[in-house]
Protein backbone atom coordinates (compact mmCIF):
# COMPACT_ATOMS: atom_id res chain seq x y z
CA UNK A 1 -2.00 -15.35 -32.55
CA UNK A 2 -2.27 -12.39 -30.16
CA UNK A 3 -3.75 -9.19 -31.55
CA UNK A 4 -1.61 -6.09 -31.94
CA UNK A 5 -2.77 -3.80 -29.14
CA UNK A 6 -0.33 -0.91 -29.67
CA UNK A 7 -2.95 1.54 -30.99
CA UNK A 8 -5.53 0.38 -28.46
CA UNK A 9 -3.07 0.73 -25.56
CA UNK A 10 -2.13 4.24 -26.69
CA UNK A 11 -5.79 5.33 -26.82
CA UNK A 12 -6.59 3.68 -23.49
CA UNK A 13 -3.63 5.39 -21.85
CA UNK A 14 -4.96 8.78 -22.92
CA UNK A 15 -8.48 7.82 -21.82
CA UNK A 16 -7.23 6.74 -18.37
CA UNK A 17 -5.32 10.00 -17.88
CA UNK A 18 -8.35 12.05 -18.88
CA UNK A 19 -10.60 10.04 -16.55
CA UNK A 20 -8.29 10.86 -13.63
CA UNK A 21 -8.14 14.57 -14.47
CA UNK A 22 -11.92 14.78 -15.02
CA UNK A 23 -12.45 13.70 -11.43
CA UNK A 24 -10.04 16.33 -10.13
CA UNK A 25 -10.85 19.37 -12.28
CA UNK A 26 -13.79 20.78 -14.22
CA UNK A 27 -13.93 20.28 -18.02
CA UNK A 28 -12.76 23.86 -18.62
CA UNK A 29 -9.43 23.27 -16.84
CA UNK A 30 -6.32 23.49 -19.10
CA UNK A 31 -5.07 20.07 -17.99
CA UNK A 32 -8.38 18.46 -18.98
CA UNK A 33 -8.38 20.28 -22.33
CA UNK A 34 -4.85 18.99 -23.03
CA UNK A 35 -5.86 15.44 -22.09
CA UNK A 36 -8.89 15.61 -24.42
CA UNK A 37 -6.59 16.76 -27.21
CA UNK A 38 -4.40 13.73 -26.64
CA UNK A 39 -7.46 11.48 -26.84
CA UNK A 40 -8.32 13.08 -30.18
CA UNK A 41 -4.82 12.31 -31.47
CA UNK A 42 -5.04 8.67 -30.37
CA UNK A 43 -8.51 7.94 -31.76
CA UNK A 44 -7.53 7.67 -35.48
CA UNK A 45 -5.35 4.64 -34.72
CA UNK A 46 -8.34 3.13 -32.92
CA UNK A 47 -10.70 3.95 -35.79
CA UNK A 48 -8.35 2.22 -38.25
CA UNK A 49 -9.20 -1.08 -36.54
CA UNK A 50 -12.88 -0.70 -37.45
CA UNK A 51 -15.53 -1.59 -34.92
CA UNK A 52 -13.88 -2.57 -31.64
CA UNK A 53 -15.68 -4.33 -28.79
CA UNK A 54 -14.14 -4.34 -25.32
CA UNK A 55 -15.41 -6.79 -22.72
CA UNK A 56 -15.92 -5.09 -19.36
CA UNK A 57 -14.71 -7.01 -16.32
CA UNK A 58 -14.42 -6.21 -12.66
CA UNK A 59 -10.68 -5.60 -12.93
CA UNK A 60 -10.35 -4.07 -16.40
CA UNK A 61 -11.08 -4.25 -20.11
CA UNK A 62 -10.47 -7.28 -22.34
CA UNK A 63 -10.08 -7.53 -26.12
CA UNK A 64 -9.50 -10.74 -28.08
CA UNK A 65 -8.76 -12.52 -24.83
CA UNK A 66 -6.07 -10.03 -23.77
CA UNK A 67 -6.21 -7.89 -20.65
CA UNK A 68 -5.67 -4.30 -21.85
CA UNK A 69 -3.27 -2.21 -19.74
CA UNK A 70 -3.51 -4.47 -16.67
CA UNK A 71 -1.36 -2.12 -14.56
CA UNK A 72 -3.28 1.07 -15.35
CA UNK A 73 -5.21 1.92 -12.18
CA UNK A 74 -7.42 4.52 -13.92
CA UNK A 75 -8.62 2.07 -16.59
CA UNK A 76 -9.23 -0.59 -13.93
CA UNK A 77 -11.34 1.85 -11.89
CA UNK A 78 -13.30 2.99 -14.95
CA UNK A 79 -14.05 -0.63 -15.89
CA UNK A 80 -15.08 -1.43 -12.32
CA UNK A 81 -17.58 1.45 -12.24
CA UNK A 82 -19.01 0.47 -15.62
CA UNK A 83 -19.33 -3.13 -14.42
CA UNK A 84 -21.18 -1.93 -11.32
CA UNK A 85 -23.64 -0.13 -13.62
CA UNK A 86 -24.36 -3.43 -15.38
CA UNK A 87 -22.28 -2.68 -18.49
CA UNK A 88 -20.65 -5.82 -19.84
CA UNK A 89 -19.34 -4.63 -23.23
CA UNK A 90 -18.28 -1.32 -24.81
CA UNK A 91 -18.50 -1.16 -28.62
CA UNK A 92 -16.56 1.63 -30.35
CA UNK A 93 -17.60 2.42 -33.90
CA UNK A 94 -15.56 4.51 -36.40
CA UNK A 95 -16.26 8.22 -35.99
CA UNK A 96 -15.89 8.28 -32.20
CA UNK A 97 -14.87 11.64 -30.74
CA UNK A 98 -13.51 12.86 -27.42
CA UNK A 99 -17.00 14.11 -26.44
CA UNK A 100 -18.33 10.57 -26.75
CA UNK A 101 -15.59 9.38 -24.39
CA UNK A 102 -16.65 12.07 -21.90
CA UNK A 103 -20.19 10.71 -22.04
CA UNK A 104 -18.78 7.27 -21.22
CA UNK A 105 -17.17 8.76 -18.10
CA UNK A 106 -20.55 10.18 -17.09
CA UNK A 107 -22.13 6.75 -17.48
CA UNK A 108 -19.50 5.31 -15.15
CA UNK A 109 -20.12 8.01 -12.54
CA UNK A 110 -23.89 7.61 -12.77
CA UNK A 111 -24.80 11.03 -14.21
CA UNK A 112 -25.87 9.69 -17.63
CA UNK A 113 -27.92 6.62 -18.49
CA UNK A 114 -26.45 3.77 -20.49
CA UNK A 115 -28.64 4.56 -23.53
CA UNK A 116 -28.12 8.33 -23.56
CA UNK A 117 -27.74 9.97 -26.96
CA UNK A 118 -24.55 11.79 -25.93
CA UNK A 119 -22.66 8.49 -26.21
CA UNK A 120 -22.73 8.92 -29.99
CA UNK A 121 -20.67 6.19 -31.68
CA UNK A 122 -20.22 4.28 -28.41
CA UNK A 123 -22.69 1.47 -27.72
CA UNK A 124 -22.96 -0.11 -24.28
CA UNK A 125 -24.23 -3.65 -23.85
CA UNK A 126 -25.85 -4.87 -20.66
CA UNK A 127 -25.96 -8.45 -19.45
CA UNK A 128 -29.21 -10.26 -20.28
CA UNK A 129 -30.12 -10.66 -16.63
CA UNK A 130 -29.16 -7.08 -15.91
CA UNK A 131 -31.28 -5.62 -18.71
CA UNK A 132 -34.34 -7.69 -17.72
CA UNK A 133 -34.07 -6.71 -14.07
CA UNK A 134 -33.57 -3.05 -14.91
CA UNK A 135 -36.77 -3.16 -16.97
CA UNK A 136 -38.67 -4.54 -13.95
CA UNK A 137 -37.22 -1.79 -11.75
CA UNK A 138 -38.71 0.98 -13.92
CA UNK A 139 -42.09 1.89 -12.26
CA UNK A 140 -44.46 4.19 -14.11
CA UNK A 141 -45.80 7.36 -12.43
CA UNK A 142 -49.53 8.22 -12.69
CA UNK A 143 -50.63 11.47 -14.30
CA UNK A 144 -51.66 12.94 -10.97
CA UNK A 145 -48.07 12.71 -9.76
CA UNK A 146 -48.78 10.25 -6.95
CA UNK A 147 -46.52 7.19 -6.82
CA UNK A 148 -47.89 4.06 -8.46
CA UNK A 149 -46.74 1.87 -5.55
CA UNK A 150 -47.77 2.82 -2.04
CA UNK A 151 -44.96 3.42 0.36
CA UNK A 152 -44.38 0.66 2.87
CA UNK A 153 -45.32 1.55 6.48
CA UNK A 154 -42.46 2.30 8.78
CA UNK A 155 -41.48 -0.06 11.55
CA UNK A 156 -43.05 2.28 14.15
CA UNK A 157 -46.41 2.40 12.29
CA UNK A 158 -46.49 -1.37 11.94
CA UNK A 159 -45.83 -1.76 15.66
CA UNK A 160 -48.62 0.69 16.51
CA UNK A 161 -51.18 -1.20 14.39
CA UNK A 162 -50.23 -4.68 15.58
CA UNK A 163 -49.93 -3.93 19.31
CA UNK A 164 -53.14 -4.23 21.49
CA UNK A 165 -54.38 -1.11 23.30
CA UNK A 166 -52.75 -0.59 26.70
CA UNK A 167 -54.92 -0.68 29.90
CA UNK A 168 -56.34 2.71 30.91
CA UNK A 169 -55.38 2.28 34.58
CA UNK A 170 -51.62 2.28 33.89
CA UNK A 171 -50.80 4.30 30.81
CA UNK A 172 -47.23 3.58 29.72
CA UNK A 173 -45.02 6.42 28.50
CA UNK A 174 -44.74 6.49 24.72
CA UNK A 175 -41.68 4.62 23.46
CA UNK A 176 -39.22 6.61 21.34
CA UNK A 177 -39.71 5.97 17.64
CA UNK A 178 -37.24 3.47 16.17
CA UNK A 179 -35.04 4.76 13.31
CA UNK A 180 -36.43 3.74 9.94
CA UNK A 181 -34.59 0.83 8.39
CA UNK A 182 -32.81 1.59 5.09
CA UNK A 183 -34.69 0.25 2.07
CA UNK A 184 -33.23 -3.04 0.94
CA UNK A 185 -32.02 -3.12 -2.68
CA UNK A 186 -34.37 -5.01 -4.92
CA UNK A 187 -31.66 -6.74 -6.96
CA UNK A 188 -27.92 -7.44 -6.94
CA UNK A 189 -27.39 -4.97 -9.81
CA UNK A 190 -29.17 -2.22 -7.88
CA UNK A 191 -26.97 -2.89 -4.84
CA UNK A 192 -23.88 -2.68 -7.07
CA UNK A 193 -25.11 0.66 -8.42
CA UNK A 194 -25.63 1.95 -4.88
CA UNK A 195 -22.07 0.87 -4.02
CA UNK A 196 -20.76 2.73 -7.08
CA UNK A 197 -22.64 5.87 -6.00
CA UNK A 198 -21.13 5.59 -2.52
CA UNK A 199 -17.64 5.18 -4.00
CA UNK A 200 -18.03 8.22 -6.24
CA UNK A 201 -19.47 10.23 -3.35
CA UNK A 202 -16.44 9.45 -1.19
CA UNK A 203 -14.09 10.39 -4.05
CA UNK A 204 -15.88 13.67 -4.64
CA UNK A 205 -16.07 14.56 -0.96
CA UNK A 206 -12.37 13.92 -0.36
CA UNK A 207 -11.02 15.87 -3.36
CA UNK A 208 -11.49 19.59 -3.68
CA UNK A 209 -11.80 21.19 -7.09
CA UNK A 210 -9.03 23.73 -7.58
CA UNK A 211 -9.28 25.18 -11.10
CA UNK A 212 -6.33 27.51 -10.49
CA UNK A 213 -3.87 24.68 -9.63
CA UNK A 214 -2.28 22.36 -12.19
CA UNK A 215 -1.09 18.81 -11.44
CA UNK A 216 2.46 18.70 -10.17
CA UNK A 217 3.91 16.98 -13.23
CA UNK A 218 2.32 19.55 -15.54
CA UNK A 219 3.74 22.43 -13.48
CA UNK A 220 7.24 20.94 -13.55
CA UNK A 221 7.13 20.37 -17.30
CA UNK A 222 5.99 23.94 -17.86
CA UNK A 223 8.80 25.28 -15.68
CA UNK A 224 11.34 23.15 -17.59
CA UNK A 225 9.97 24.38 -20.92
CA UNK A 226 10.19 27.97 -19.67
CA UNK A 227 13.85 27.45 -18.74
CA UNK A 228 14.60 26.31 -22.26
CA UNK A 229 12.78 29.16 -24.00
CA UNK A 230 13.31 32.09 -21.60
CA UNK A 231 15.63 34.80 -22.90
CA UNK A 232 15.57 37.29 -20.03
CA UNK A 233 17.04 36.89 -16.57
CA UNK A 234 13.69 37.68 -14.94
CA UNK A 235 11.89 34.84 -16.71
CA UNK A 236 14.73 32.42 -16.01
CA UNK A 237 14.80 33.38 -12.32
CA UNK A 238 11.03 32.93 -12.04
CA UNK A 239 11.23 29.45 -13.58
CA UNK A 240 14.12 28.43 -11.30
CA UNK A 241 12.25 29.71 -8.24
CA UNK A 242 9.24 27.69 -9.33
CA UNK A 243 11.34 24.51 -9.54
CA UNK A 244 12.89 25.20 -6.14
CA UNK A 245 9.43 25.67 -4.62
CA UNK A 246 8.18 22.42 -6.17
CA UNK A 247 11.24 20.41 -5.10
CA UNK A 248 9.77 18.99 -1.83
CA UNK A 249 6.67 17.76 -3.66
CA UNK A 250 8.74 16.63 -6.63
CA UNK A 251 10.78 14.26 -4.49
CA UNK A 252 7.60 12.40 -3.51
CA UNK A 253 6.74 11.56 -7.13
CA UNK A 254 7.41 8.11 -8.50
CA UNK A 255 8.08 9.41 -12.01
CA UNK A 256 11.87 9.71 -12.00
CA UNK A 257 11.89 11.09 -15.57
CA UNK A 258 10.31 14.39 -14.48
CA UNK A 259 12.98 14.89 -11.82
CA UNK A 260 15.73 14.06 -14.31
CA UNK A 261 14.35 16.63 -16.76
CA UNK A 262 14.29 19.30 -14.05
CA UNK A 263 17.93 18.64 -13.05
CA UNK A 264 19.02 18.51 -16.69
CA UNK A 265 17.31 21.84 -17.39
CA UNK A 266 19.17 23.49 -14.50
CA UNK A 267 22.46 21.98 -15.72
CA UNK A 268 21.92 23.38 -19.23
CA UNK A 269 21.11 26.82 -17.85
CA UNK A 270 24.10 27.08 -15.51
CA UNK A 271 26.88 27.64 -18.13
CA UNK A 272 24.95 30.53 -19.71
CA UNK A 273 23.91 32.21 -16.45
CA UNK A 274 25.75 35.51 -15.95
CA UNK A 275 23.68 37.13 -13.21
CA UNK A 276 24.94 36.28 -9.68
CA UNK A 277 21.37 36.18 -8.37
CA UNK A 278 20.36 33.65 -11.02
CA UNK A 279 23.41 31.49 -10.23
CA UNK A 280 22.45 31.56 -6.53
CA UNK A 281 18.89 30.49 -7.38
CA UNK A 282 20.18 27.63 -9.54
CA UNK A 283 22.41 26.52 -6.67
CA UNK A 284 19.47 26.62 -4.26
CA UNK A 285 17.26 24.56 -6.58
CA UNK A 286 20.07 22.07 -7.21
CA UNK A 287 20.60 21.56 -3.47
CA UNK A 288 16.87 20.96 -3.02
CA UNK A 289 16.92 18.33 -5.80
CA UNK A 290 20.07 16.51 -4.67
CA UNK A 291 18.76 14.21 -1.96
CA UNK A 292 20.68 10.95 -1.72
CA UNK A 293 17.55 8.87 -2.21
CA UNK A 294 16.83 10.73 -5.44
CA UNK A 295 20.40 10.22 -6.68
CA UNK A 296 20.13 6.51 -5.94
CA UNK A 297 16.90 6.30 -7.93
CA UNK A 298 18.47 8.16 -10.86
CA UNK A 299 21.48 5.84 -10.97
CA UNK A 300 19.31 2.74 -10.67
CA UNK A 301 16.99 3.89 -13.45
CA UNK A 302 19.97 4.73 -15.68
CA UNK A 303 21.00 1.08 -15.78
CA UNK A 304 17.56 -0.38 -16.48
CA UNK A 305 16.86 -1.87 -19.91
CA UNK A 306 14.17 -0.55 -22.29
CA UNK A 307 14.36 3.05 -21.07
CA UNK A 308 12.96 5.50 -23.70
CA UNK A 309 15.73 7.46 -25.49
CA UNK A 310 14.43 10.86 -24.34
CA UNK A 311 14.31 9.73 -20.72
CA UNK A 312 17.74 8.09 -21.03
CA UNK A 313 19.24 11.37 -22.27
CA UNK A 314 17.73 13.28 -19.35
CA UNK A 315 19.00 10.66 -16.89
CA UNK A 316 22.54 10.83 -18.31
CA UNK A 317 22.55 14.62 -17.97
CA UNK A 318 21.11 14.53 -14.45
CA UNK A 319 23.56 11.90 -13.16
CA UNK A 320 26.44 13.83 -14.74
CA UNK A 321 25.25 17.09 -13.18
CA UNK A 322 25.21 15.47 -9.73
CA UNK A 323 28.66 13.89 -10.22
CA UNK A 324 29.93 14.81 -6.75
CA UNK A 325 27.14 12.68 -5.24
CA UNK A 326 26.55 10.09 -7.94
CA UNK A 327 30.03 8.87 -9.02
CA UNK A 328 30.47 6.48 -6.11
CA UNK A 329 27.07 4.96 -6.86
CA UNK A 330 27.83 4.88 -10.59
CA UNK A 331 31.03 2.86 -10.01
CA UNK A 332 29.15 0.29 -7.92
CA UNK A 333 26.28 0.07 -10.39
CA UNK A 334 28.73 -0.19 -13.33
CA UNK A 335 30.44 -3.21 -11.78
CA UNK A 336 27.12 -4.90 -10.98
CA UNK A 337 25.56 -4.30 -14.40
CA UNK A 338 25.87 -6.69 -17.37
CA UNK A 339 28.27 -5.66 -20.12
CA UNK A 340 25.49 -4.68 -22.53
CA UNK A 341 23.94 -2.29 -19.96
CA UNK A 342 27.15 -0.38 -19.12
CA UNK A 343 27.25 2.25 -21.94
CA UNK A 344 24.78 4.65 -20.18
CA UNK A 345 27.12 4.85 -17.18
CA UNK A 346 30.05 5.73 -19.45
CA UNK A 347 27.90 8.40 -21.11
CA UNK A 348 27.09 9.90 -17.70
CA UNK A 349 30.80 10.12 -16.84
CA UNK A 350 31.54 11.80 -20.17
CA UNK A 351 28.74 14.26 -19.44
CA UNK A 352 30.13 14.98 -15.98
CA UNK A 353 33.64 15.69 -17.39
CA UNK A 354 35.87 17.46 -14.82
CA UNK A 355 33.14 17.31 -12.16
CA UNK A 356 33.65 13.55 -11.83
CA UNK A 357 37.41 13.72 -11.38
CA UNK A 358 37.49 14.57 -7.66
CA UNK A 359 35.12 11.81 -6.43
CA UNK A 360 36.90 9.27 -8.68
CA UNK A 361 40.38 9.99 -7.31
CA UNK A 362 39.56 8.28 -4.03
CA UNK A 363 38.45 5.15 -5.90
CA UNK A 364 41.87 4.83 -7.59
CA UNK A 365 43.39 3.85 -4.22
CA UNK A 366 40.71 1.27 -3.38
CA UNK A 367 41.78 -2.21 -2.27
CA UNK A 368 39.43 -3.93 -4.72
CA UNK A 369 41.12 -4.22 -8.16
CA UNK A 370 37.73 -4.20 -9.90
CA UNK A 371 36.85 -0.84 -8.33
CA UNK A 372 40.27 0.56 -9.29
CA UNK A 373 39.80 -0.65 -12.88
CA UNK A 374 36.36 0.93 -13.19
CA UNK A 375 37.57 4.20 -11.67
CA UNK A 376 40.59 4.27 -14.01
CA UNK A 377 38.38 3.83 -17.05
CA UNK A 378 36.06 6.59 -15.83
CA UNK A 379 38.98 8.97 -15.18
CA UNK A 380 39.96 8.62 -18.83
CA UNK A 381 36.36 9.21 -19.92
CA UNK A 382 36.29 12.58 -18.16
CA UNK A 383 38.69 13.99 -20.77
CA UNK A 384 40.40 16.08 -18.12
CA UNK A 385 44.04 17.19 -18.65
CA UNK A 386 44.81 15.75 -15.20
CA UNK A 387 43.67 12.26 -16.24
CA UNK A 388 47.04 11.29 -17.77
CA UNK A 389 48.95 12.18 -14.60
CA UNK A 390 46.50 10.15 -12.48
CA UNK A 391 46.55 7.06 -14.71
CA UNK A 392 50.30 6.65 -15.40
CA UNK A 393 51.09 5.36 -11.84
CA UNK A 394 48.45 2.65 -12.32
CA UNK A 395 50.49 1.10 -15.17
CA UNK A 396 52.53 -0.61 -12.41
CA UNK A 397 49.49 -1.81 -10.43
CA UNK A 398 49.65 -5.47 -9.28
CA UNK A 399 46.32 -6.30 -10.91
CA UNK A 400 46.22 -6.81 -14.68
CA UNK A 401 42.65 -5.49 -14.69
CA UNK A 402 43.80 -2.17 -13.28
CA UNK A 403 46.75 -1.96 -15.71
CA UNK A 404 44.50 -2.68 -18.70
CA UNK A 405 41.88 -0.14 -17.52
CA UNK A 406 44.58 2.50 -17.02
CA UNK A 407 45.79 2.01 -20.60
CA UNK A 408 42.25 2.17 -21.95
CA UNK A 409 41.72 5.32 -19.89
CA UNK A 410 44.80 6.85 -21.53
CA UNK A 411 43.30 5.97 -24.92
CA UNK A 412 40.18 7.94 -23.98
CA UNK A 413 42.28 10.86 -22.71
CA UNK A 414 44.30 11.01 -25.96
CA UNK A 415 47.32 13.15 -26.79
CA UNK A 416 50.84 12.33 -28.02
CA UNK A 417 52.16 12.26 -24.47
CA UNK A 418 50.39 8.94 -23.75
CA UNK A 419 52.53 6.87 -26.17
CA UNK A 420 55.86 6.87 -24.32
CA UNK A 421 54.48 5.80 -20.86
CA UNK A 422 52.64 2.90 -22.54
CA UNK A 423 55.68 1.42 -24.32
CA UNK A 424 57.02 -0.63 -21.34
CA UNK A 425 53.61 -2.36 -21.17
CA UNK A 426 54.35 -3.97 -24.59
CA UNK A 427 56.39 -6.55 -22.64
CA UNK A 428 53.77 -7.13 -19.92
CA UNK A 429 53.09 -10.72 -18.95
CA UNK A 430 49.35 -10.30 -19.59
CA UNK A 431 48.07 -10.57 -23.17
CA UNK A 432 45.19 -8.14 -22.58
CA UNK A 433 47.57 -5.54 -21.15
CA UNK A 434 49.87 -5.83 -24.18
CA UNK A 435 46.91 -5.37 -26.54
CA UNK A 436 45.75 -2.32 -24.58
CA UNK A 437 49.28 -0.91 -24.75
CA UNK A 438 49.31 -1.25 -28.55
CA UNK A 439 45.98 0.59 -28.78
CA UNK A 440 47.27 3.30 -26.49
CA UNK A 441 50.39 3.88 -28.64
CA UNK A 442 48.27 3.95 -31.80
CA UNK A 443 45.88 6.47 -30.20
CA UNK A 444 48.86 8.73 -29.45
CA UNK A 445 49.31 9.17 -33.21
CA UNK A 446 53.10 9.61 -33.15
CA UNK A 447 54.67 8.04 -36.32
CA UNK A 448 58.03 7.83 -34.52
CA UNK A 449 56.54 5.15 -32.26
CA UNK A 450 56.31 2.81 -35.26
CA UNK A 451 59.96 1.80 -34.75
CA UNK A 452 59.14 0.27 -31.36
CA UNK A 453 56.04 -1.49 -32.74
CA UNK A 454 57.91 -2.94 -35.75
CA UNK A 455 60.63 -4.31 -33.47
CA UNK A 456 58.01 -5.78 -31.15
CA UNK A 457 55.94 -7.44 -33.89
CA UNK A 458 58.84 -9.77 -34.66
CA UNK A 459 59.16 -10.81 -31.01
CA UNK A 460 55.48 -11.11 -30.07
CA UNK A 461 54.44 -14.75 -29.52
CA UNK A 462 50.67 -14.18 -29.37
CA UNK A 463 48.85 -13.92 -32.72
CA UNK A 464 46.14 -11.63 -31.35
CA UNK A 465 48.66 -9.09 -30.08
CA UNK A 466 50.66 -9.45 -33.32
CA UNK A 467 47.54 -8.62 -35.34
CA UNK A 468 46.90 -5.57 -33.16
CA UNK A 469 50.51 -4.44 -33.70
CA UNK A 470 50.14 -4.65 -37.50
CA UNK A 471 46.95 -2.58 -37.44
CA UNK A 472 48.66 0.04 -35.28
CA UNK A 473 51.66 0.17 -37.64
CA UNK A 474 49.35 0.85 -40.57
CA UNK A 475 47.38 3.46 -38.62
CA UNK A 476 50.53 5.42 -37.69
CA UNK A 477 51.63 5.40 -41.36
CA UNK A 478 55.41 5.59 -41.04
CA UNK A 479 57.61 5.28 -44.16
CA UNK A 480 58.68 1.71 -43.37
CA UNK A 481 55.09 0.57 -42.64
CA UNK A 482 54.37 -0.53 -46.25
CA UNK A 483 57.30 -2.94 -46.36
CA UNK A 484 56.42 -4.54 -43.00
CA UNK A 485 52.72 -4.92 -43.79
CA UNK A 486 53.42 -6.33 -47.27
CA UNK A 487 55.73 -8.97 -45.74
CA UNK A 488 53.20 -10.07 -43.10
CA UNK A 489 50.35 -10.12 -45.62
CA UNK A 490 52.10 -12.88 -47.60
CA UNK A 491 51.02 -16.44 -46.84
CA UNK A 492 54.60 -17.48 -45.97
CA UNK A 493 56.50 -20.63 -46.78
CA UNK A 494 55.65 -24.25 -46.25
CA UNK A 495 57.52 -24.46 -42.96
CA UNK A 496 56.40 -21.06 -41.63
CA UNK A 497 52.83 -20.63 -42.77
CA UNK A 498 51.26 -17.43 -41.42
CA UNK A 499 47.80 -17.59 -39.90
CA UNK A 500 44.85 -15.91 -41.57
CA UNK A 501 44.40 -13.67 -38.49
CA UNK A 502 47.83 -12.09 -38.90
CA UNK A 503 47.50 -11.80 -42.70
CA UNK A 504 44.05 -10.18 -42.45
CA UNK A 505 45.38 -7.67 -39.89
CA UNK A 506 48.26 -6.75 -42.21
CA UNK A 507 45.84 -6.26 -45.11
CA UNK A 508 43.62 -4.13 -42.87
CA UNK A 509 46.64 -2.01 -41.97
CA UNK A 510 47.39 -1.44 -45.69
CA UNK A 511 44.19 0.57 -46.13
CA UNK A 512 45.73 3.40 -44.08
CA UNK A 513 48.73 3.66 -46.44
CA UNK A 514 47.87 6.23 -49.12
CA UNK A 515 50.26 4.96 -51.80
CA UNK A 516 49.67 3.24 -55.18
CA UNK A 517 51.65 0.19 -54.06
CA UNK A 518 49.26 -0.37 -51.14
CA UNK A 519 46.30 -0.12 -53.49
CA UNK A 520 47.81 -2.73 -55.79
CA UNK A 521 48.38 -5.13 -52.91
CA UNK A 522 44.76 -4.74 -51.78
CA UNK A 523 43.49 -5.58 -55.27
CA UNK A 524 45.77 -8.62 -55.31
CA UNK A 525 44.58 -9.96 -51.95
CA UNK A 526 40.92 -9.35 -52.82
CA UNK A 527 41.25 -12.64 -54.81
CA UNK A 528 43.06 -14.56 -52.03
CA UNK A 529 42.01 -18.10 -51.12
CA UNK A 530 41.68 -17.27 -47.42
CA UNK A 531 38.14 -15.88 -46.73
CA UNK A 532 39.32 -13.62 -43.89
CA UNK A 533 42.08 -12.09 -46.01
CA UNK A 534 39.80 -11.67 -49.00
CA UNK A 535 37.11 -9.99 -46.90
CA UNK A 536 39.62 -7.59 -45.30
CA UNK A 537 40.92 -6.56 -48.75
CA UNK A 538 37.41 -6.06 -50.15
CA UNK A 539 36.45 -3.94 -47.15
CA UNK A 540 39.60 -1.80 -47.55
CA UNK A 541 38.87 -1.18 -51.24
CA UNK A 542 35.40 0.24 -50.60
């Protein structure tokens, strides 16, 4: 059985982040201090596991046969440097602190030996061959300070000793001295250590320490936090200017969540902004963050599974804020996504509200019925007062998908005015359109529409639509609803036995009738022989 690595992965993630920051900034830098604090928060979960031993490989760390964080480049680099130093296992004992982890970084970079006391509760194990060879490499120094082993003669000195003396009659000009050959490493482990030193030297030489500059993601998060907490126009303007200045660098990041948070913060600030200068700054920052490639990445990420809830919320707000650019992409992604991954797109349209109406109007005239259906549903989700006027003409669309979506869009729009346009659809040839029409009339909430529904329930041939009609009659609660529902809740005669689907729908409709007679019928049908009817009555009595 595989070991639970949740706590270990959390601690290793913090360690990898700190290792990256330690190589960019000095220990006193605020970003490093924050990363060390996160390590301290993750260590208790690691200590709860007791003594933990990680095997060190060339490509990463292993525990109980599992490769820990295989895609974390920082952890892979740390393990590779430790492996080059001859470390084959890292043992973490309870009581480990962030300072001990820092000492482990120094071992990897070659500034601290593997048996240094600063490692504290961390024990490093060397391979048996490695430890024996390292012992042979340690040469003692005499008290006088002279080296115990004489230095080998250079190639030029060896040539001068071995060559015979030249004839005096023809003295040859002295040959230029040959460059000394680099000393060959004594062992494979020493050559690996030299390679690690060269790697660290190249990293250090190519990266300049800038204590006054934070990483880009930290700066963006601080600017977003300032936008949420700032109370004065000056502070808000400064934070917006900061985001606008960081926009070109922000677009190069792979972390789409940071960009979504920045756009969402600007969208939340815009309705409360009163100063014209602040509104202009918000517009400037929004234009800088509205590249098409970024919008495409936001829409694609919105439809991915297993997105964290906080990131999903920021993505919904960002896609809604950029509705004029994103709605066309959202329609295409909505049609291509599985049914269980479509709710985030609906949430983005609801967030966009009236801003999504204009780009969606063009989609209502598309030649593809699927596109028209998706656009009609989205128009209803906007909640705009203009949605009803845009959707009513679609009730006569040739495609049943478009007619059904238009009715469902009217349900989302709401209002008593949606009931009358939906009544002709009760006689539509498509079953799904008739069911959508019943829901639309019920959503209108007009009790006078019950007369049309009661007349239609007697003529409807499909049991599913008939059941939907009975639920709608109960929901509208007209005076004659109790009599109709009581009649359809009865099992019927021998020749005309009613199905359990219709009876259960009638019983479900009775729960909306606030009269003692309805309560008595529910108690009666709670002992019915049909399981569906009995369950509907028991649910209504709760």
